[in-house]
Amino acid sequence: MTYGTWNLAGTQYSTPQGGFVSLGPFAIAFGPVTQSQAVLVNTTATVAVPANAAGVCIIPPIGNTTPSVLAKFVSGDTGFYIDPGQPTLIQFDSAHQPANLYLVSGGSVTVQVQMT
């Protein structure tokens, strides 16, 4: 069930071709927040993904620059780095929903994790 849409649009400046490029708009459907928790990441933190979650928003301290945070859905995977100072929104494929979210950091940072 969809309750709303998160819309994203913007402009990328200083492109390799010079000038700017318009991005989006992108519309991501979402439901209400079903789980929200502060997660301390100082090595690896495991967050269970609730059944039927549509996605996750990982919110670090806004403007934070360190430490780096790595997100992954398979513990043995290499994962991917998320912005340490801006929210990251990830929508799940309902046919392949992950069981867990793993957050990894070499330092110590508390992030807010919201499942929808």
N, C-alpha and C. Protein backbone atom coordinates (compact mmCIF):
# COMPACT_ATOMS: atom_id res chain seq x y z
N MET A 1 0.85 -1.16 0.00
CA MET A 1 0.00 0.00 0.00
C MET A 1 0.90 1.23 0.00
N THR A 2 0.67 2.15 -0.89
CA THR A 2 1.44 3.38 -0.99
C THR A 2 0.70 4.52 -0.31
N TYR A 3 1.41 5.28 0.51
CA TYR A 3 0.81 6.40 1.23
C TYR A 3 1.26 7.75 0.70
N GLY A 4 2.31 7.79 -0.04
CA GLY A 4 2.81 9.06 -0.54
C GLY A 4 3.97 8.84 -1.49
N THR A 5 4.55 9.94 -1.91
CA THR A 5 5.66 9.88 -2.85
C THR A 5 6.73 10.85 -2.40
N TRP A 6 7.97 10.40 -2.44
CA TRP A 6 9.12 11.26 -2.16
C TRP A 6 9.65 11.68 -3.51
N ASN A 7 9.67 12.98 -3.78
CA ASN A 7 10.11 13.50 -5.07
C ASN A 7 11.49 14.12 -4.95
N LEU A 8 12.31 13.86 -5.93
CA LEU A 8 13.68 14.38 -5.94
C LEU A 8 13.96 14.95 -7.32
N ALA A 9 14.45 16.18 -7.34
CA ALA A 9 14.87 16.82 -8.58
C ALA A 9 15.97 17.80 -8.23
N GLY A 10 16.82 18.08 -9.18
CA GLY A 10 17.89 19.03 -8.90
C GLY A 10 18.67 19.37 -10.14
N THR A 11 19.77 20.05 -9.91
CA THR A 11 20.65 20.48 -10.99
C THR A 11 22.08 20.14 -10.63
N GLN A 12 22.78 19.53 -11.56
CA GLN A 12 24.19 19.22 -11.37
C GLN A 12 25.00 20.28 -12.10
N TYR A 13 25.85 20.97 -11.36
CA TYR A 13 26.69 22.02 -11.94
C TYR A 13 28.11 21.50 -12.16
N SER A 14 28.86 22.20 -12.98
CA SER A 14 30.27 21.88 -13.26
C SER A 14 30.42 20.45 -13.77
N THR A 15 29.63 20.10 -14.76
CA THR A 15 29.73 18.77 -15.35
C THR A 15 31.01 18.68 -16.21
N PRO A 16 31.46 17.47 -16.50
CA PRO A 16 32.66 17.33 -17.36
C PRO A 16 32.50 18.02 -18.72
N GLN A 17 31.26 18.12 -19.20
CA GLN A 17 31.00 18.76 -20.48
C GLN A 17 30.88 20.28 -20.33
N GLY A 18 30.92 20.76 -19.09
CA GLY A 18 30.72 22.18 -18.84
C GLY A 18 29.24 22.47 -18.68
N GLY A 19 28.93 23.55 -18.02
CA GLY A 19 27.53 23.91 -17.85
C GLY A 19 26.86 23.11 -16.75
N PHE A 20 25.56 22.83 -16.95
CA PHE A 20 24.80 22.11 -15.94
C PHE A 20 23.82 21.15 -16.60
N VAL A 21 23.34 20.19 -15.81
CA VAL A 21 22.38 19.19 -16.27
C VAL A 21 21.27 19.10 -15.24
N SER A 22 20.02 19.08 -15.71
CA SER A 22 18.88 18.88 -14.81
C SER A 22 18.76 17.41 -14.48
N LEU A 23 18.47 17.10 -13.23
CA LEU A 23 18.29 15.72 -12.78
C LEU A 23 16.86 15.53 -12.31
N GLY A 24 16.25 14.42 -12.70
CA GLY A 24 14.91 14.10 -12.23
C GLY A 24 13.86 14.84 -13.04
N PRO A 25 12.64 14.87 -12.54
CA PRO A 25 12.27 14.44 -11.18
C PRO A 25 12.12 12.92 -11.08
N PHE A 26 12.48 12.44 -9.91
CA PHE A 26 12.33 11.03 -9.60
C PHE A 26 11.27 10.94 -8.51
N ALA A 27 10.33 10.01 -8.63
CA ALA A 27 9.27 9.82 -7.64
C ALA A 27 9.40 8.43 -7.03
N ILE A 28 9.52 8.38 -5.71
CA ILE A 28 9.67 7.10 -5.02
C ILE A 28 8.48 6.93 -4.08
N ALA A 29 7.71 5.87 -4.32
CA ALA A 29 6.54 5.61 -3.48
C ALA A 29 6.98 5.10 -2.12
N PHE A 30 6.25 5.47 -1.08
CA PHE A 30 6.57 5.00 0.26
C PHE A 30 5.32 4.91 1.11
N GLY A 31 5.46 4.22 2.22
CA GLY A 31 4.37 4.10 3.19
C GLY A 31 4.75 4.82 4.46
N PRO A 32 3.97 4.65 5.50
CA PRO A 32 4.29 5.32 6.77
C PRO A 32 5.53 4.68 7.41
N VAL A 33 6.21 5.44 8.25
CA VAL A 33 7.36 4.90 8.97
C VAL A 33 6.84 3.84 9.94
N THR A 34 7.33 2.61 9.79
CA THR A 34 6.87 1.51 10.64
C THR A 34 7.86 1.20 11.75
N GLN A 35 9.09 1.67 11.59
CA GLN A 35 10.11 1.42 12.60
C GLN A 35 11.13 2.55 12.51
N SER A 36 11.49 3.13 13.64
CA SER A 36 12.49 4.17 13.69
C SER A 36 13.36 3.94 14.91
N GLN A 37 14.68 3.93 14.70
CA GLN A 37 15.57 3.70 15.83
C GLN A 37 16.91 4.38 15.62
N ALA A 38 17.49 4.85 16.71
CA ALA A 38 18.85 5.38 16.68
C ALA A 38 19.79 4.19 16.77
N VAL A 39 20.78 4.15 15.89
CA VAL A 39 21.71 3.03 15.82
C VAL A 39 23.13 3.56 15.98
N LEU A 40 23.83 3.08 17.00
CA LEU A 40 25.23 3.42 17.20
C LEU A 40 26.07 2.51 16.31
N VAL A 41 26.84 3.13 15.41
CA VAL A 41 27.70 2.36 14.51
C VAL A 41 29.14 2.66 14.92
N ASN A 42 29.81 1.69 15.53
CA ASN A 42 31.22 1.89 15.85
C ASN A 42 32.09 0.77 15.30
N THR A 43 31.52 -0.29 14.84
CA THR A 43 32.17 -1.32 14.02
C THR A 43 31.10 -1.77 13.03
N THR A 44 30.39 -2.84 13.33
CA THR A 44 29.27 -3.28 12.50
C THR A 44 28.01 -3.32 13.34
N ALA A 45 26.96 -2.64 12.87
CA ALA A 45 25.66 -2.67 13.52
C ALA A 45 24.69 -3.40 12.60
N THR A 46 23.91 -4.31 13.17
CA THR A 46 22.93 -5.08 12.39
C THR A 46 21.54 -4.60 12.76
N VAL A 47 20.75 -4.25 11.73
CA VAL A 47 19.38 -3.79 11.92
C VAL A 47 18.47 -4.76 11.17
N ALA A 48 17.55 -5.40 11.88
CA ALA A 48 16.61 -6.32 11.23
C ALA A 48 15.62 -5.51 10.39
N VAL A 49 15.35 -5.99 9.19
CA VAL A 49 14.38 -5.34 8.31
C VAL A 49 13.03 -6.01 8.56
N PRO A 50 12.01 -5.24 8.98
CA PRO A 50 10.71 -5.85 9.26
C PRO A 50 10.06 -6.39 7.99
N ALA A 51 9.23 -7.41 8.16
CA ALA A 51 8.52 -8.00 7.03
C ALA A 51 7.70 -6.92 6.32
N ASN A 52 7.69 -6.99 5.01
CA ASN A 52 6.92 -6.09 4.15
C ASN A 52 7.39 -4.64 4.19
N ALA A 53 8.62 -4.38 4.64
CA ALA A 53 9.15 -3.01 4.59
C ALA A 53 9.34 -2.62 3.12
N ALA A 54 8.99 -1.40 2.79
CA ALA A 54 9.13 -0.91 1.41
C ALA A 54 10.49 -0.29 1.16
N GLY A 55 11.16 0.14 2.23
CA GLY A 55 12.45 0.77 2.06
C GLY A 55 13.00 1.25 3.38
N VAL A 56 14.16 1.91 3.30
CA VAL A 56 14.83 2.40 4.51
C VAL A 56 15.41 3.79 4.22
N CYS A 57 15.37 4.63 5.22
CA CYS A 57 16.05 5.91 5.17
C CYS A 57 17.08 5.91 6.29
N ILE A 58 18.35 6.12 5.94
CA ILE A 58 19.44 6.17 6.91
C ILE A 58 19.82 7.63 7.07
N ILE A 59 19.69 8.16 8.28
CA ILE A 59 19.88 9.59 8.51
C ILE A 59 21.05 9.80 9.48
N PRO A 60 22.21 10.18 8.95
CA PRO A 60 23.35 10.49 9.83
C PRO A 60 23.18 11.91 10.38
N PRO A 61 24.05 12.34 11.28
CA PRO A 61 23.99 13.72 11.72
C PRO A 61 24.17 14.65 10.50
N ILE A 62 23.21 15.53 10.24
CA ILE A 62 23.26 16.39 9.06
C ILE A 62 24.51 17.28 9.12
N GLY A 63 25.25 17.29 8.03
CA GLY A 63 26.47 18.08 7.96
C GLY A 63 27.71 17.34 8.44
N ASN A 64 27.52 16.14 8.96
CA ASN A 64 28.64 15.33 9.44
C ASN A 64 29.61 15.05 8.28
N THR A 65 30.89 15.00 8.55
CA THR A 65 31.86 14.69 7.49
C THR A 65 32.62 13.40 7.76
N THR A 66 32.72 13.00 9.00
CA THR A 66 33.39 11.74 9.35
C THR A 66 32.63 11.11 10.50
N PRO A 67 32.69 9.86 10.75
CA PRO A 67 33.41 8.87 9.95
C PRO A 67 32.56 8.41 8.77
N SER A 68 33.20 7.72 7.85
CA SER A 68 32.49 7.12 6.72
C SER A 68 31.61 5.99 7.22
N VAL A 69 30.47 5.80 6.55
CA VAL A 69 29.55 4.71 6.89
C VAL A 69 29.31 3.88 5.63
N LEU A 70 29.45 2.58 5.79
CA LEU A 70 29.24 1.62 4.71
C LEU A 70 27.93 0.91 4.98
N ALA A 71 27.07 0.79 3.97
CA ALA A 71 25.80 0.07 4.10
C ALA A 71 25.84 -1.17 3.22
N LYS A 72 25.24 -2.25 3.73
CA LYS A 72 25.15 -3.48 2.94
C LYS A 72 23.99 -4.32 3.46
N PHE A 73 23.55 -5.25 2.63
CA PHE A 73 22.42 -6.11 3.00
C PHE A 73 22.82 -7.57 3.12
N VAL A 74 24.06 -7.89 2.80
CA VAL A 74 24.61 -9.24 2.98
C VAL A 74 25.88 -9.05 3.79
N SER A 75 26.00 -9.76 4.92
CA SER A 75 27.11 -9.50 5.84
C SER A 75 28.49 -9.65 5.20
N GLY A 76 28.66 -10.59 4.29
CA GLY A 76 29.96 -10.81 3.67
C GLY A 76 30.22 -9.94 2.45
N ASP A 77 29.25 -9.11 2.06
CA ASP A 77 29.37 -8.25 0.89
C ASP A 77 30.29 -7.07 1.19
N THR A 78 30.81 -6.43 0.14
CA THR A 78 31.65 -5.25 0.33
C THR A 78 30.82 -4.01 0.65
N GLY A 79 29.56 -3.97 0.21
CA GLY A 79 28.68 -2.85 0.51
C GLY A 79 28.99 -1.62 -0.31
N PHE A 80 28.44 -0.48 0.14
CA PHE A 80 28.64 0.79 -0.55
C PHE A 80 28.64 1.91 0.50
N TYR A 81 29.42 2.95 0.23
CA TYR A 81 29.49 4.07 1.16
C TYR A 81 28.31 5.00 0.96
N ILE A 82 27.76 5.47 2.07
CA ILE A 82 26.68 6.46 2.01
C ILE A 82 27.25 7.80 2.45
N ASP A 83 26.56 8.86 2.10
CA ASP A 83 27.00 10.20 2.48
C ASP A 83 26.99 10.30 4.00
N PRO A 84 28.10 10.69 4.63
CA PRO A 84 28.15 10.74 6.10
C PRO A 84 27.37 11.91 6.70
N GLY A 85 26.87 12.83 5.85
CA GLY A 85 26.19 14.00 6.39
C GLY A 85 24.84 14.31 5.79
N GLN A 86 24.31 13.40 4.94
CA GLN A 86 23.00 13.61 4.32
C GLN A 86 22.23 12.29 4.33
N PRO A 87 20.89 12.34 4.38
CA PRO A 87 20.09 11.11 4.39
C PRO A 87 20.27 10.29 3.11
N THR A 88 20.16 8.99 3.26
CA THR A 88 20.19 8.05 2.14
C THR A 88 18.89 7.28 2.15
N LEU A 89 18.17 7.28 1.03
CA LEU A 89 16.90 6.58 0.90
C LEU A 89 17.08 5.41 -0.05
N ILE A 90 16.70 4.22 0.39
CA ILE A 90 16.82 3.01 -0.42
C ILE A 90 15.46 2.33 -0.48
N GLN A 91 14.95 2.11 -1.68
CA GLN A 91 13.68 1.41 -1.87
C GLN A 91 13.97 -0.06 -2.15
N PHE A 92 13.20 -0.96 -1.51
CA PHE A 92 13.41 -2.40 -1.67
C PHE A 92 12.56 -2.96 -2.81
N ASP A 93 13.07 -3.99 -3.46
CA ASP A 93 12.30 -4.78 -4.41
C ASP A 93 11.47 -5.74 -3.56
N SER A 94 10.16 -5.66 -3.65
CA SER A 94 9.29 -6.47 -2.79
C SER A 94 9.50 -7.97 -2.98
N ALA A 95 10.01 -8.39 -4.13
CA ALA A 95 10.26 -9.80 -4.37
C ALA A 95 11.59 -10.27 -3.78
N HIS A 96 12.44 -9.33 -3.38
CA HIS A 96 13.77 -9.68 -2.86
C HIS A 96 14.12 -8.80 -1.67
N GLN A 97 13.25 -8.78 -0.71
CA GLN A 97 13.46 -7.94 0.47
C GLN A 97 14.59 -8.50 1.33
N PRO A 98 15.52 -7.64 1.78
CA PRO A 98 16.60 -8.12 2.62
C PRO A 98 16.11 -8.47 4.03
N ALA A 99 16.84 -9.33 4.70
CA ALA A 99 16.50 -9.68 6.08
C ALA A 99 17.12 -8.70 7.07
N ASN A 100 18.31 -8.19 6.72
CA ASN A 100 19.04 -7.30 7.62
C ASN A 100 19.70 -6.17 6.84
N LEU A 101 19.94 -5.08 7.54
CA LEU A 101 20.76 -3.98 7.06
C LEU A 101 22.00 -3.95 7.95
N TYR A 102 23.17 -3.94 7.34
CA TYR A 102 24.42 -3.89 8.09
C TYR A 102 25.06 -2.53 7.85
N LEU A 103 25.37 -1.82 8.92
CA LEU A 103 26.05 -0.54 8.83
C LEU A 103 27.43 -0.70 9.45
N VAL A 104 28.46 -0.26 8.74
CA VAL A 104 29.84 -0.46 9.18
C VAL A 104 30.56 0.89 9.19
N SER A 105 31.31 1.13 10.26
CA SER A 105 32.10 2.35 10.34
C SER A 105 33.37 2.09 11.14
N GLY A 106 34.45 2.74 10.73
CA GLY A 106 35.71 2.63 11.47
C GLY A 106 35.75 3.53 12.68
N GLY A 107 34.85 4.52 12.72
CA GLY A 107 34.75 5.42 13.86
C GLY A 107 33.45 5.14 14.60
N SER A 108 32.97 6.14 15.31
CA SER A 108 31.72 5.98 16.06
C SER A 108 30.76 7.08 15.67
N VAL A 109 29.57 6.69 15.22
CA VAL A 109 28.55 7.65 14.82
C VAL A 109 27.17 7.04 15.08
N THR A 110 26.23 7.88 15.50
CA THR A 110 24.85 7.41 15.69
C THR A 110 24.02 7.90 14.53
N VAL A 111 23.33 6.99 13.86
CA VAL A 111 22.46 7.32 12.74
C VAL A 111 21.02 6.93 13.09
N GLN A 112 20.07 7.61 12.50
CA GLN A 112 18.66 7.27 12.66
C GLN A 112 18.29 6.38 11.49
N VAL A 113 17.69 5.24 11.76
CA VAL A 113 17.27 4.31 10.71
C VAL A 113 15.75 4.22 10.75
N GLN A 114 15.12 4.59 9.63
CA GLN A 114 13.65 4.54 9.54
C GLN A 114 13.25 3.59 8.43
N MET A 115 12.42 2.63 8.78
CA MET A 115 11.87 1.68 7.79
C MET A 115 10.46 2.14 7.43
N THR A 116 10.11 2.00 6.16
CA THR A 116 8.75 2.34 5.74
C THR A 116 8.07 1.11 5.17
